[in-house]
C-alpha atoms as a PDB file:
ATOM      1  CA  MET A   1     -51.728-130.456  84.990  1.00  0.00           C
ATOM      2  CA  PHE A   2     -53.769-127.847  87.076  1.00  0.00           C
ATOM      3  CA  LYS A   3     -51.046-128.020  89.733  1.00  0.00           C
ATOM      4  CA  ARG A   4     -48.242-127.155  87.495  1.00  0.00           C
ATOM      5  CA  LEU A   5     -50.423-124.048  86.034  1.00  0.00           C
ATOM      6  CA  LEU A   6     -50.794-123.039  89.482  1.00  0.00           C
ATOM      7  CA  GLY A   7     -47.290-123.250  90.281  1.00  0.00           C
ATOM      8  CA  LEU A   8     -46.309-121.236  87.466  1.00  0.00           C
ATOM      9  CA  VAL A   9     -48.514-118.447  88.272  1.00  0.00           C
ATOM     10  CA  LEU A  10     -47.145-118.516  91.835  1.00  0.00           C
ATOM     11  CA  ILE A  11     -43.625-118.187  90.414  1.00  0.00           C
ATOM     12  CA  LEU A  12     -44.396-115.167  88.216  1.00  0.00           C
ATOM     13  CA  ALA A  13     -46.415-113.392  91.044  1.00  0.00           C
ATOM     14  CA  VAL A  14     -43.094-113.490  93.112  1.00  0.00           C
ATOM     15  CA  THR A  15     -40.563-112.760  90.539  1.00  0.00           C
ATOM     16  CA  LEU A  16     -42.593-109.815  88.964  1.00  0.00           C
ATOM     17  CA  PRO A  17     -43.056-106.174  90.711  1.00  0.00           C
ATOM     18  CA  SER A  18     -46.666-105.917  91.698  1.00  0.00           C
ATOM     19  CA  ASN A  19     -47.086-102.888  89.174  1.00  0.00           C
ATOM     20  CA  SER A  20     -45.632-104.450  86.216  1.00  0.00           C
ATOM     21  CA  PHE A  21     -49.511-104.862  84.742  1.00  0.00           C
ATOM     22  CA  ALA A  22     -50.512-101.233  85.735  1.00  0.00           C
ATOM     23  CA  VAL A  23     -51.316 -98.634  83.054  1.00  0.00           C
ATOM     24  CA  PRO A  24     -49.617 -95.187  83.972  1.00  0.00           C
ATOM     25  CA  PRO A  25     -51.957 -92.121  84.171  1.00  0.00           C
ATOM     26  CA  PRO A  26     -51.507 -89.644  81.431  1.00  0.00           C
ATOM     27  CA  ASN A  27     -50.022 -86.790  83.384  1.00  0.00           C
ATOM     28  CA  ALA A  28     -47.451 -89.190  84.798  1.00  0.00           C
ATOM     29  CA  ILE A  29     -46.073 -89.665  81.355  1.00  0.00           C
ATOM     30  CA  ALA A  30     -42.516 -87.715  80.988  1.00  0.00           C
ATOM     31  CA  MET A  31     -42.611 -85.537  77.654  1.00  0.00           C
ATOM     32  CA  PRO A  32     -39.318 -85.858  75.664  1.00  0.00           C
ATOM     33  CA  ALA A  33     -37.392 -82.794  74.722  1.00  0.00           C
ATOM     34  CA  LEU A  34     -38.410 -81.766  71.185  1.00  0.00           C
ATOM     35  CA  THR A  35     -35.212 -81.346  69.426  1.00  0.00           C
ATOM     36  CA  PRO A  36     -35.072 -79.141  66.449  1.00  0.00           C
ATOM     37  CA  MET A  37     -34.821 -80.898  62.960  1.00  0.00           C
ATOM     38  CA  ALA A  38     -31.702 -80.187  61.151  1.00  0.00           C
ATOM     39  CA  ALA A  39     -31.737 -77.368  58.571  1.00  0.00           C
ATOM     40  CA  ASN A  40     -32.412 -79.072  55.143  1.00  0.00           C
ATOM     41  CA  THR A  41     -31.585 -77.873  51.769  1.00  0.00           C
ATOM     42  CA  PRO A  42     -34.432 -75.789  50.137  1.00  0.00           C
ATOM     43  CA  GLY A  43     -36.355 -77.525  47.383  1.00  0.00           C
ATOM     44  CA  ASN A  44     -35.630 -81.163  48.947  1.00  0.00           C
ATOM     45  CA  ALA A  45     -38.510 -83.142  50.496  1.00  0.00           C
ATOM     46  CA  VAL A  46     -38.581 -83.063  54.486  1.00  0.00           C
ATOM     47  CA  SER A  47     -40.776 -84.803  56.929  1.00  0.00           C
ATOM     48  CA  GLN A  48     -43.295 -83.197  59.425  1.00  0.00           C
ATOM     49  CA  ALA A  49     -41.559 -82.820  62.881  1.00  0.00           C
ATOM     50  CA  CYS A  50     -43.943 -84.621  65.116  1.00  0.00           C
ATOM     51  CA  ASP A  51     -43.246 -86.281  68.733  1.00  0.00           C
ATOM     52  CA  GLN A  52     -44.303 -89.649  69.634  1.00  0.00           C
ATOM     53  CA  PHE A  53     -47.647 -88.228  70.935  1.00  0.00           C
ATOM     54  CA  GLY A  54     -48.741 -86.758  67.427  1.00  0.00           C
ATOM     55  CA  VAL A  55     -47.699 -83.300  68.607  1.00  0.00           C
ATOM     56  CA  CYS A  56     -46.392 -81.435  65.462  1.00  0.00           C
ATOM     57  CA  LEU A  57     -43.747 -78.853  65.898  1.00  0.00           C
ATOM     58  CA  VAL A  58     -44.796 -75.218  64.928  1.00  0.00           C
ATOM     59  CA  THR A  59     -42.270 -72.366  64.663  1.00  0.00           C
ATOM     60  CA  SER A  60     -42.622 -69.375  66.802  1.00  0.00           C
ATOM     61  CA  GLY A  61     -40.054 -67.159  65.246  1.00  0.00           C
ATOM     62  CA  THR A  62     -40.481 -63.609  63.893  1.00  0.00           C
ATOM     63  CA  GLY A  63     -38.576 -64.111  60.522  1.00  0.00           C
ATOM     64  CA  ALA A  64     -39.871 -64.011  57.003  1.00  0.00           C
ATOM     65  CA  THR A  65     -41.610 -67.232  56.775  1.00  0.00           C
ATOM     66  CA  ASP A  66     -42.502 -67.185  60.549  1.00  0.00           C
ATOM     67  CA  LEU A  67     -46.243 -66.412  61.596  1.00  0.00           C
ATOM     68  CA  GLY A  68     -45.180 -64.051  64.216  1.00  0.00           C
ATOM     69  CA  LYS A  69     -43.617 -60.678  63.428  1.00  0.00           C
ATOM     70  CA  ALA A  70     -41.785 -58.431  65.796  1.00  0.00           C
ATOM     71  CA  GLU A  71     -43.499 -55.220  67.352  1.00  0.00           C
ATOM     72  CA  ASP A  72     -42.360 -51.999  65.401  1.00  0.00           C
ATOM     73  CA  ALA A  73     -40.475 -54.176  62.335  1.00  0.00           C
ATOM     74  CA  ALA A  74     -40.786 -52.965  58.731  1.00  0.00           C
ATOM     75  CA  SER A  75     -43.237 -54.831  56.453  1.00  0.00           C
ATOM     76  CA  THR A  76     -41.486 -56.437  53.615  1.00  0.00           C
ATOM     77  CA  SER A  77     -43.018 -57.742  50.490  1.00  0.00           C
ATOM     78  CA  GLY A  78     -43.412 -61.678  50.548  1.00  0.00           C
ATOM     79  CA  PHE A  79     -43.301 -62.072  54.250  1.00  0.00           C
ATOM     80  CA  THR A  80     -45.676 -64.693  55.642  1.00  0.00           C
ATOM     81  CA  GLY A  81     -48.277 -63.922  58.477  1.00  0.00           C
ATOM     82  CA  VAL A  82     -51.876 -65.082  59.581  1.00  0.00           C
ATOM     83  CA  ALA A  83     -54.688 -63.439  58.040  1.00  0.00           C
ATOM     84  CA  ALA A  84     -57.097 -61.652  60.641  1.00  0.00           C
ATOM     85  CA  LEU A  85     -60.588 -62.244  59.158  1.00  0.00           C
ATOM     86  CA  GLY A  86     -63.833 -60.017  60.122  1.00  0.00           C
ATOM     87  CA  VAL A  87     -67.359 -60.717  59.791  1.00  0.00           C
ATOM     88  CA  ARG A  88     -69.634 -58.800  57.340  1.00  0.00           C
ATOM     89  CA  ASN A  89     -72.385 -56.853  59.389  1.00  0.00           C
ATOM     90  CA  ASP A  90     -74.115 -54.653  57.119  1.00  0.00           C
ATOM     91  CA  ASN A  91     -76.716 -53.654  59.617  1.00  0.00           C
ATOM     92  CA  LEU A  92     -74.154 -53.683  62.474  1.00  0.00           C
ATOM     93  CA  ASN A  93     -75.923 -56.102  64.599  1.00  0.00           C
ATOM     94  CA  THR A  94     -74.556 -56.797  67.959  1.00  0.00           C
ATOM     95  CA  GLN A  95     -71.870 -59.895  67.929  1.00  0.00           C
ATOM     96  CA  THR A  96     -71.810 -60.717  71.470  1.00  0.00           C
ATOM     97  CA  THR A  97     -73.861 -61.009  74.728  1.00  0.00           C
ATOM     98  CA  THR A  98     -72.142 -59.356  77.285  1.00  0.00           C
ATOM     99  CA  ASP A  99     -69.766 -56.292  77.489  1.00  0.00           C
ATOM    100  CA  GLY A 100     -66.269 -57.496  77.982  1.00  0.00           C
ATOM    101  CA  ASP A 101     -66.481 -60.499  75.384  1.00  0.00           C
ATOM    102  CA  TYR A 102     -64.331 -61.115  72.723  1.00  0.00           C
ATOM    103  CA  SER A 103     -65.709 -59.857  69.641  1.00  0.00           C
ATOM    104  CA  PRO A 104     -65.087 -60.531  66.005  1.00  0.00           C
ATOM    105  CA  ILE A 105     -64.017 -57.747  63.817  1.00  0.00           C
ATOM    106  CA  THR A 106     -67.070 -56.030  61.977  1.00  0.00           C
ATOM    107  CA  THR A 107     -66.689 -55.375  58.343  1.00  0.00           C
ATOM    108  CA  GLY A 108     -68.667 -53.778  55.540  1.00  0.00           C
ATOM    109  CA  ARG A 109     -69.824 -55.769  52.474  1.00  0.00           C
ATOM    110  CA  TYR A 110     -66.444 -54.767  50.797  1.00  0.00           C
ATOM    111  CA  GLY A 111     -64.465 -55.778  53.679  1.00  0.00           C
ATOM    112  CA  GLN A 112     -63.717 -52.326  55.198  1.00  0.00           C
ATOM    113  CA  VAL A 113     -63.643 -52.489  58.858  1.00  0.00           C
ATOM    114  CA  ALA A 114     -66.766 -50.542  60.279  1.00  0.00           C
ATOM    115  CA  ALA A 115     -66.197 -47.627  62.430  1.00  0.00           C
ATOM    116  CA  SER A 116     -69.376 -45.564  63.278  1.00  0.00           C
ATOM    117  CA  ILE A 117     -69.558 -42.099  64.434  1.00  0.00           C
ATOM    118  CA  VAL A 118     -73.453 -42.124  64.679  1.00  0.00           C
ATOM    119  CA  HIS A 119     -75.656 -41.614  67.517  1.00  0.00           C
ATOM    120  CA  ASP A 120     -75.032 -44.606  70.010  1.00  0.00           C
ATOM    121  CA  ALA A 121     -77.405 -45.199  72.757  1.00  0.00           C
ATOM    122  CA  ILE A 122     -74.709 -46.587  74.917  1.00  0.00           C
ATOM    123  CA  PHE A 123     -72.920 -43.368  75.202  1.00  0.00           C
ATOM    124  CA  GLY A 124     -74.235 -40.214  76.971  1.00  0.00           C
ATOM    125  CA  THR A 125     -74.930 -37.182  74.856  1.00  0.00           C
ATOM    126  CA  ALA A 126     -71.498 -35.649  75.783  1.00  0.00           C
ATOM    127  CA  LEU A 127     -69.646 -38.569  74.296  1.00  0.00           C
ATOM    128  CA  GLN A 128     -71.634 -38.915  71.061  1.00  0.00           C
ATOM    129  CA  ALA A 129     -69.725 -37.747  68.048  1.00  0.00           C
ATOM    130  CA  THR A 130     -72.678 -36.718  66.094  1.00  0.00           C
ATOM    131  CA  LYS A 131     -75.439 -34.516  67.942  1.00  0.00           C
ATOM    132  CA  PRO A 132     -79.174 -34.373  67.240  1.00  0.00           C
ATOM    133  CA  GLU A 133     -80.724 -31.634  65.151  1.00  0.00           C
ATOM    134  CA  ASP A 134     -81.688 -28.616  67.263  1.00  0.00           C
ATOM    135  CA  ALA A 135     -79.833 -29.674  70.655  1.00  0.00           C
ATOM    136  CA  ALA A 136     -78.396 -27.291  72.724  1.00  0.00           C
ATOM    137  CA  ALA A 137     -74.414 -27.426  72.650  1.00  0.00           C
ATOM    138  CA  ALA A 138     -72.848 -27.722  76.099  1.00  0.00           C
ATOM    139  CA  SER A 139     -69.152 -27.602  77.030  1.00  0.00           C
ATOM    140  CA  GLY A 140     -66.929 -30.716  76.964  1.00  0.00           C
ATOM    141  CA  ASP A 141     -69.442 -32.330  74.212  1.00  0.00           C
ATOM    142  CA  ALA A 142     -67.362 -34.856  71.854  1.00  0.00           C
ATOM    143  CA  LEU A 143     -67.285 -33.795  68.163  1.00  0.00           C
ATOM    144  CA  VAL A 144     -65.794 -34.894  64.909  1.00  0.00           C
ATOM    145  CA  GLY A 145     -62.899 -32.533  63.813  1.00  0.00           C
ATOM    146  CA  VAL A 146     -62.629 -31.344  60.302  1.00  0.00           C
ATOM    147  CA  ALA A 147     -59.149 -30.503  59.384  1.00  0.00           C
ATOM    148  CA  GLY A 148     -57.824 -27.770  57.302  1.00  0.00           C
ATOM    149  CA  GLN A 149     -54.712 -26.097  56.278  1.00  0.00           C
ATOM    150  CA  ILE A 150     -53.813 -22.517  57.334  1.00  0.00           C
ATOM    151  CA  ASN A 151     -53.265 -20.671  53.930  1.00  0.00           C
ATOM    152  CA  THR A 152     -53.315 -17.039  54.474  1.00  0.00           C
ATOM    153  CA  GLY A 153     -51.162 -16.420  51.230  1.00  0.00           C
ATOM    154  CA  PHE A 154     -54.101 -18.146  49.366  1.00  0.00           C
ATOM    155  CA  THR A 155     -51.718 -20.330  47.509  1.00  0.00           C
ATOM    156  CA  THR A 156     -53.016 -23.312  45.537  1.00  0.00           C
ATOM    157  CA  ASN A 157     -52.955 -26.248  47.283  1.00  0.00           C
ATOM    158  CA  ALA A 158     -54.241 -28.876  44.750  1.00  0.00           C
ATOM    159  CA  ALA A 159     -54.554 -29.263  41.138  1.00  0.00           C
ATOM    160  CA  ASN A 160     -58.000 -28.683  39.274  1.00  0.00           C
ATOM    161  CA  GLY A 161     -60.322 -31.642  40.062  1.00  0.00           C
ATOM    162  CA  ASP A 162     -58.238 -32.899  43.008  1.00  0.00           C
ATOM    163  CA  TYR A 163     -59.375 -33.169  46.668  1.00  0.00           C
ATOM    164  CA  ALA A 164     -57.958 -30.236  48.715  1.00  0.00           C
ATOM    165  CA  THR A 165     -57.869 -29.168  52.239  1.00  0.00           C
ATOM    166  CA  ILE A 166     -59.933 -26.401  53.435  1.00  0.00           C
ATOM    167  CA  ALA A 167     -58.338 -23.210  53.363  1.00  0.00           C
ATOM    168  CA  LEU A 168     -57.947 -21.743  57.127  1.00  0.00           C
ATOM    169  CA  GLY A 169     -56.946 -18.243  58.498  1.00  0.00           C
ATOM    170  CA  SER A 170     -54.398 -18.068  61.027  1.00  0.00           C
ATOM    171  CA  ALA A 171     -56.964 -18.217  63.943  1.00  0.00           C
ATOM    172  CA  GLY A 172     -58.336 -21.218  62.380  1.00  0.00           C
ATOM    173  CA  ASN A 173     -61.161 -19.500  60.567  1.00  0.00           C
ATOM    174  CA  VAL A 174     -62.396 -20.904  57.204  1.00  0.00           C
ATOM    175  CA  LEU A 175     -61.298 -18.452  54.170  1.00  0.00           C
ATOM    176  CA  SER A 176     -63.875 -17.469  51.921  1.00  0.00           C
ATOM    177  CA  THR A 177     -63.357 -14.711  48.903  1.00  0.00           C
ATOM    178  CA  LEU A 178     -65.229 -12.775  46.626  1.00  0.00           C
ATOM    179  CA  ALA A 179     -62.111 -10.911  45.129  1.00  0.00           C
ATOM    180  CA  PHE A 180     -61.220 -11.610  41.632  1.00  0.00           C
ATOM    181  CA  ASP A 181     -59.708 -14.907  41.110  1.00  0.00           C
ATOM    182  CA  ALA A 182     -57.015 -15.073  38.234  1.00  0.00           C
ATOM    183  CA  SER A 183     -57.885 -18.897  38.161  1.00  0.00           C
ATOM    184  CA  VAL A 184     -61.329 -18.148  36.885  1.00  0.00           C
ATOM    185  CA  SER A 185     -62.421 -16.241  33.798  1.00  0.00           C
ATOM    186  CA  GLY A 186     -64.251 -12.879  34.189  1.00  0.00           C
ATOM    187  CA  ALA A 187     -67.488 -14.553  32.994  1.00  0.00           C
ATOM    188  CA  THR A 188     -67.351 -17.108  36.156  1.00  0.00           C
ATOM    189  CA  SER A 189     -65.923 -14.513  38.656  1.00  0.00           C
ATOM    190  CA  ALA A 190     -68.040 -13.415  40.869  1.00  0.00           C
ATOM    191  CA  ILE A 191     -66.230 -10.018  41.154  1.00  0.00           C
ATOM    192  CA  ALA A 192     -65.201  -8.143  38.074  1.00  0.00           C
ATOM    193  CA  ARG A 193     -62.083  -5.937  37.540  1.00  0.00           C
ATOM    194  CA  GLU A 194     -62.552  -2.194  37.229  1.00  0.00           C
ATOM    195  CA  ASP A 195     -62.698  -0.504  33.683  1.00  0.00           C
ATOM    196  CA  THR A 196     -63.290  -4.204  31.984  1.00  0.00           C
ATOM    197  CA  ILE A 197     -66.151  -4.629  29.269  1.00  0.00           C
ATOM    198  CA  PRO A 198     -69.077  -6.852  30.494  1.00  0.00           C
ATOM    199  CA  GLY A 199     -70.301  -9.716  28.622  1.00  0.00           C
ATOM    200  CA  SER A 200     -73.576 -11.481  28.161  1.00  0.00           C
ATOM    201  CA  GLY A 201     -73.945 -14.445  30.713  1.00  0.00           C
ATOM    202  CA  ASP A 202     -70.953 -12.977  33.193  1.00  0.00           C
ATOM    203  CA  ALA A 203     -71.405 -14.053  36.639  1.00  0.00           C
ATOM    204  CA  GLY A 204     -72.057 -11.420  39.570  1.00  0.00           C
ATOM    205  CA  ILE A 205     -73.467 -10.898  43.074  1.00  0.00           C
ATOM    206  CA  PRO A 206     -76.875  -9.527  43.145  1.00  0.00           C
ATOM    207  CA  ILE A 207     -77.811  -6.683  45.320  1.00  0.00           C
ATOM    208  CA  PHE A 208     -81.144  -6.644  47.110  1.00  0.00           C
ATOM    209  CA  MET A 209     -83.126  -3.935  48.104  1.00  0.00           C
ATOM    210  CA  SER A 210     -86.545  -3.727  49.917  1.00  0.00           C
ATOM    211  CA  THR A 211     -89.774  -2.636  48.220  1.00  0.00           C
ATOM    212  CA  ASN A 212     -91.128   0.488  49.887  1.00  0.00           C
ATOM    213  CA  SER A 213     -93.498   2.317  47.461  1.00  0.00           C
ATOM    214  CA  ALA A 214     -95.117   4.099  50.273  1.00  0.00           C
ATOM    215  CA  LEU A 215     -91.940   5.692  51.876  1.00  0.00           C
ATOM    216  CA  ALA A 216     -92.697   4.014  55.354  1.00  0.00           C
ATOM    217  CA  ALA A 217     -89.927   4.479  57.919  1.00  0.00           C
ATOM    218  CA  ASP A 218     -87.602   1.879  58.297  1.00  0.00           C
ATOM    219  CA  ALA A 219     -87.383   0.084  61.822  1.00  0.00           C
ATOM    220  CA  ALA A 220     -83.443   0.644  61.807  1.00  0.00           C
ATOM    221  CA  THR A 221     -81.934   3.073  64.019  1.00  0.00           C
ATOM    222  CA  ASN A 222     -79.152   5.828  63.289  1.00  0.00           C
ATOM    223  CA  ASN A 223     -75.801   3.906  62.190  1.00  0.00           C
ATOM    224  CA  ASP A 224     -77.789   0.511  61.516  1.00  0.00           C
ATOM    225  CA  TYR A 225     -77.318  -1.474  58.145  1.00  0.00           C
ATOM    226  CA  ILE A 226     -80.572  -1.208  56.275  1.00  0.00           C
ATOM    227  CA  LEU A 227     -81.497  -2.357  52.461  1.00  0.00           C
ATOM    228  CA  PHE A 228     -81.937  -0.194  49.270  1.00  0.00           C
ATOM    229  CA  GLN A 229     -85.581   1.268  49.000  1.00  0.00           C
ATOM    230  CA  GLY A 230     -87.207   0.552  45.704  1.00  0.00           C
ATOM    231  CA  ASP A 231     -90.466  -0.129  43.962  1.00  0.00           C
ATOM    232  CA  GLU A 232     -92.431  -3.119  42.712  1.00  0.00           C
ATOM    233  CA  LEU A 233     -90.694  -2.533  39.180  1.00  0.00           C
ATOM    234  CA  GLY A 234     -87.249  -2.569  40.784  1.00  0.00           C
ATOM    235  CA  ARG A 235     -86.523   1.086  40.565  1.00  0.00           C
ATOM    236  CA  THR A 236     -84.642   2.555  43.322  1.00  0.00           C
ATOM    237  CA  ILE A 237     -86.155   5.118  45.380  1.00  0.00           C
ATOM    238  CA  THR A 238     -84.368   8.366  45.863  1.00  0.00           C
ATOM    239  CA  THR A 239     -85.349  11.507  47.852  1.00  0.00           C
ATOM    240  CA  LEU A 240     -83.792  14.945  48.652  1.00  0.00           C
ATOM    241  CA  ALA A 241     -84.412  13.774  52.223  1.00  0.00           C
ATOM    242  CA  PRO A 242     -85.366  10.840  54.345  1.00  0.00           C
ATOM    243  CA  ALA A 243     -89.034   9.902  54.532  1.00  0.00           C
ATOM    244  CA  GLY A 244     -90.788  12.351  57.069  1.00  0.00           C
ATOM    245  CA  GLU A 245     -88.104  15.065  56.803  1.00  0.00           C
ATOM    246  CA  SER A 246     -89.799  16.880  53.877  1.00  0.00           C
ATOM    247  CA  TRP A 247     -91.855  19.867  54.619  1.00  0.00           C
ATOM    248  CA  SER A 248     -94.444  22.444  53.089  1.00  0.00           C
ATOM    249  CA  SER A 249     -95.848  25.422  54.945  1.00  0.00           C
ATOM    250  CA  CYS A 250     -98.198  28.471  54.135  1.00  0.00           C
ATOM    251  CA  SER A 251     -98.536  31.825  55.806  1.00  0.00           C
ATOM    252  CA  SER A 252    -101.389  33.503  56.922  1.00  0.00           C
ATOM    253  CA  ALA A 253    -101.992  36.950  55.487  1.00  0.00           C
ATOM    254  CA  ILE A 254     -98.665  39.124  55.769  1.00  0.00           C
ATOM    255  CA  ALA A 255     -99.215  42.800  56.429  1.00  0.00           C
ATOM    256  CA  ALA A 256     -96.887  45.404  55.232  1.00  0.00           C
ATOM    257  CA  ILE A 257     -93.463  45.194  56.750  1.00  0.00           C
ATOM    258  CA  THR A 258     -93.962  42.245  58.875  1.00  0.00           C
ATOM    259  CA  ASP A 259     -91.485  39.702  59.725  1.00  0.00           C
ATOM    260  CA  THR A 260     -93.355  36.311  59.374  1.00  0.00           C
ATOM    261  CA  THR A 261     -91.864  32.961  59.926  1.00  0.00           C
ATOM    262  CA  LEU A 262     -93.100  30.341  57.092  1.00  0.00           C
ATOM    263  CA  LYS A 263     -90.860  27.313  58.531  1.00  0.00           C
ATOM    264  CA  ALA A 264     -89.762  27.337  62.325  1.00  0.00           C
ATOM    265  CA  ALA A 265     -86.172  26.502  63.179  1.00  0.00           C
ATOM    266  CA  VAL A 266     -85.397  22.674  63.684  1.00  0.00           C
ATOM    267  CA  ALA A 267     -82.687  22.126  66.394  1.00  0.00           C
ATOM    268  CA  SER A 268     -79.377  20.851  65.075  1.00  0.00           C
ATOM    269  CA  ASN A 269     -80.617  20.743  61.742  1.00  0.00           C
ATOM    270  CA  ARG A 270     -80.866  23.144  58.526  1.00  0.00           C
ATOM    271  CA  ILE A 271     -83.817  23.953  56.569  1.00  0.00           C
ATOM    272  CA  TYR A 272     -83.595  23.385  52.733  1.00  0.00           C
ATOM    273  CA  VAL A 273     -86.051  25.442  50.428  1.00  0.00           C
ATOM    274  CA  THR A 274     -86.930  23.820  47.070  1.00  0.00           C
ATOM    275  CA  ALA A 275     -89.699  26.092  46.107  1.00  0.00           C
ATOM    276  CA  TRP A 276     -91.770  29.156  47.247  1.00  0.00           C
ATOM    277  CA  SER A 277     -94.707  31.123  45.777  1.00  0.00           C
ATOM    278  CA  CYS A 278     -96.851  34.153  46.813  1.00  0.00           C
ATOM    279  CA  ILE A 279    -100.300  35.775  45.939  1.00  0.00           C
ATOM    280  CA  PRO A 280    -101.358  39.019  46.365  1.00  0.00           C
ATOM    281  CA  ASN A 281    -104.471  39.980  48.425  1.00  0.00           C
ATOM    282  CA  ASP A 282    -104.820  43.770  47.224  1.00  0.00           C
ATOM    283  CA  THR A 283    -104.575  45.829  44.438  1.00  0.00           C
ATOM    284  CA  GLY A 284    -100.745  47.075  45.070  1.00  0.00           C
ATOM    285  CA  ASN A 285     -97.588  45.767  43.582  1.00  0.00           C
ATOM    286  CA  ASN A 286     -95.731  44.119  46.290  1.00  0.00           C
ATOM    287  CA  ARG A 287     -92.069  43.162  47.086  1.00  0.00           C
ATOM    288  CA  ILE A 288     -91.604  39.888  49.039  1.00  0.00           C
ATOM    289  CA  ILE A 289     -88.108  38.964  50.620  1.00  0.00           C
ATOM    290  CA  LEU A 290     -87.155  35.257  51.681  1.00  0.00           C
ATOM    291  CA  ARG A 291     -84.831  35.544  54.638  1.00  0.00           C
ATOM    292  CA  ASP A 292     -82.509  33.407  56.846  1.00  0.00           C
ATOM    293  CA  GLY A 293     -84.098  33.672  60.290  1.00  0.00           C
ATOM    294  CA  VAL A 294     -85.687  36.886  61.619  1.00  0.00           C
ATOM    295  CA  GLY A 295     -84.152  39.910  59.787  1.00  0.00           C
ATOM    296  CA  GLY A 296     -81.385  37.524  58.400  1.00  0.00           C
ATOM    297  CA  THR A 297     -79.603  37.192  55.245  1.00  0.00           C
ATOM    298  CA  VAL A 298     -81.646  37.842  52.230  1.00  0.00           C
ATOM    299  CA  LEU A 299     -82.084  34.544  50.268  1.00  0.00           C
ATOM    300  CA  ASP A 300     -84.461  35.497  47.157  1.00  0.00           C
ATOM    301  CA  TYR A 301     -86.950  38.320  46.353  1.00  0.00           C
ATOM    302  CA  GLY A 302     -90.266  38.034  44.889  1.00  0.00           C
ATOM    303  CA  ASN A 303     -92.840  40.288  43.617  1.00  0.00           C
ATOM    304  CA  THR A 304     -96.640  40.265  43.250  1.00  0.00           C
ATOM    305  CA  THR A 305     -98.356  42.704  40.875  1.00  0.00           C
ATOM    306  CA  SER A 306    -101.835  44.207  41.305  1.00  0.00           C
ATOM    307  CA  ASN A 307    -104.905  42.024  40.718  1.00  0.00           C
ATOM    308  CA  ALA A 308    -106.495  44.963  39.029  1.00  0.00           C
ATOM    309  CA  ALA A 309    -103.630  45.333  36.404  1.00  0.00           C
ATOM    310  CA  GLY A 310    -104.210  41.677  35.682  1.00  0.00           C
ATOM    311  CA  GLY A 311    -100.776  40.646  37.418  1.00  0.00           C
ATOM    312  CA  GLY A 312    -101.033  38.429  40.494  1.00  0.00           C
ATOM    313  CA  SER A 313     -98.983  35.263  42.134  1.00  0.00           C
ATOM    314  CA  PHE A 314     -95.438  34.326  41.100  1.00  0.00           C
ATOM    315  CA  GLN A 315     -93.637  30.942  41.972  1.00  0.00           C
ATOM    316  CA  ARG A 316     -90.068  29.877  41.972  1.00  0.00           C
ATOM    317  CA  THR A 317     -88.421  26.430  41.783  1.00  0.00           C
ATOM    318  CA  TYR A 318     -84.638  25.616  42.618  1.00  0.00           C
ATOM    319  CA  PRO A 319     -82.438  23.054  40.867  1.00  0.00           C
ATOM    320  CA  VAL A 320     -80.004  23.623  43.881  1.00  0.00           C
ATOM    321  CA  PRO A 321     -82.134  24.005  47.005  1.00  0.00           C
ATOM    322  CA  LEU A 322     -81.609  27.424  49.236  1.00  0.00           C
ATOM    323  CA  ARG A 323     -79.435  26.214  52.337  1.00  0.00           C
ATOM    324  CA  LEU A 324     -80.358  27.966  55.611  1.00  0.00           C
ATOM    325  CA  THR A 325     -78.133  28.307  58.523  1.00  0.00           C
ATOM    326  CA  SER A 326     -78.447  25.382  61.147  1.00  0.00           C
ATOM    327  CA  ASN A 327     -81.288  25.810  63.719  1.00  0.00           C
ATOM    328  CA  THR A 328     -82.670  28.936  61.860  1.00  0.00           C
ATOM    329  CA  ALA A 329     -86.308  29.630  60.608  1.00  0.00           C
ATOM    330  CA  LEU A 330     -87.268  30.538  57.242  1.00  0.00           C
ATOM    331  CA  ASN A 331     -88.754  34.091  57.348  1.00  0.00           C
ATOM    332  CA  LEU A 332     -90.717  36.568  55.041  1.00  0.00           C
ATOM    333  CA  THR A 333     -90.874  40.475  54.831  1.00  0.00           C
ATOM    334  CA  THR A 334     -93.168  42.375  52.425  1.00  0.00           C
ATOM    335  CA  ASN A 335     -94.173  45.938  51.618  1.00  0.00           C
ATOM    336  CA  ALA A 336     -97.575  44.843  50.949  1.00  0.00           C
ATOM    337  CA  VAL A 337    -100.347  47.291  51.496  1.00  0.00           C
ATOM    338  CA  SER A 338    -103.102  45.116  52.959  1.00  0.00           C
ATOM    339  CA  SER A 339    -101.752  41.565  52.727  1.00  0.00           C
ATOM    340  CA  THR A 340    -100.068  38.609  50.775  1.00  0.00           C
ATOM    341  CA  PHE A 341    -100.056  35.018  51.072  1.00  0.00           C
ATOM    342  CA  CYS A 342     -96.978  32.651  50.680  1.00  0.00           C
ATOM    343  CA  CYS A 343     -96.189  29.048  50.696  1.00  0.00           C
ATOM    344  CA  ALA A 344     -92.929  27.062  50.491  1.00  0.00           C
ATOM    345  CA  SER A 345     -91.531  23.523  50.502  1.00  0.00           C
ATOM    346  CA  GLY A 346     -88.245  21.811  51.206  1.00  0.00           C
ATOM    347  CA  TYR A 347     -86.584  19.230  53.778  1.00  0.00           C
ATOM    348  CA  ILE A 348     -84.451  19.438  56.606  1.00  0.00           C
ATOM    349  CA  SER A 349     -81.187  17.801  56.953  1.00  0.00           C
ATOM    350  CA  VAL A 350     -78.205  17.566  59.542  1.00  0.00           C
ATOM    351  CA  ASN A 351     -75.743  19.366  57.221  1.00  0.00           C
END
């Protein structure tokens, strides 16, 4: 029996190829061609197309039911596709370990894609979209632009209650107006129309002034903008001349027919007289003449009577101030037998 089995083995060894019992390596298997299945009628059952190795076929087209879509093609309702999912990341934590790694899309709690314009330490100051408070601006800094609409005609660009674009001038300047706007009532308009009747509660723009009861000199120079001057009760302070330009002066004893200067000339300015008075220092009747300069035009006359006769001084004020020639002194002459004393007051001005 043993000899017969041994002979059968020898016969098989001679007749079979030497590699008949070897298992071919995986990479030596020839893959069959994947032939597309024939089209089936919609609604009928169909088997999944797979090969003998369990690899199922997935379409790679760009049609309505394909997962892929062509670049720059119009979106159509009902087309299929693969949803791109993101990762909710409320605190904007780092999702990858190294710069250049693939990363999931970060979303907010409502699924919105998170985009941040806040300060980011990985960028230099120039590339940050937002800037620290009180930091110096530099040329080339990145900024977030706010778009507006050039609207030099002040036309309405939205309905009441709608979001609206910022109105810009032709140079990109933001437009703001205090002018009367027909879309708001007189009560809420900042500017009122001429010759309209004011009403209780009307809106307006306050005009501020500076309290200056002591009439101290303002720090501004000529042609500067300055505030109105007022007292603590809000009353506007008005004077006939700027503070410091009012004057008052009294003469010494004026002898007979003496031309005496009561207020010296002021270069490039005029002297204005608002009041003057005289008192005699003798027992005669004296005539006093107020003049525009030495021996100049007579401005007014006054008269003092004898002290012995119970007369005495006189005084005079002018609702409309006396106006002298520019750069001319205020002078007095008198026919006093002995002497007369006179005083005057007013202001100086350039006109």
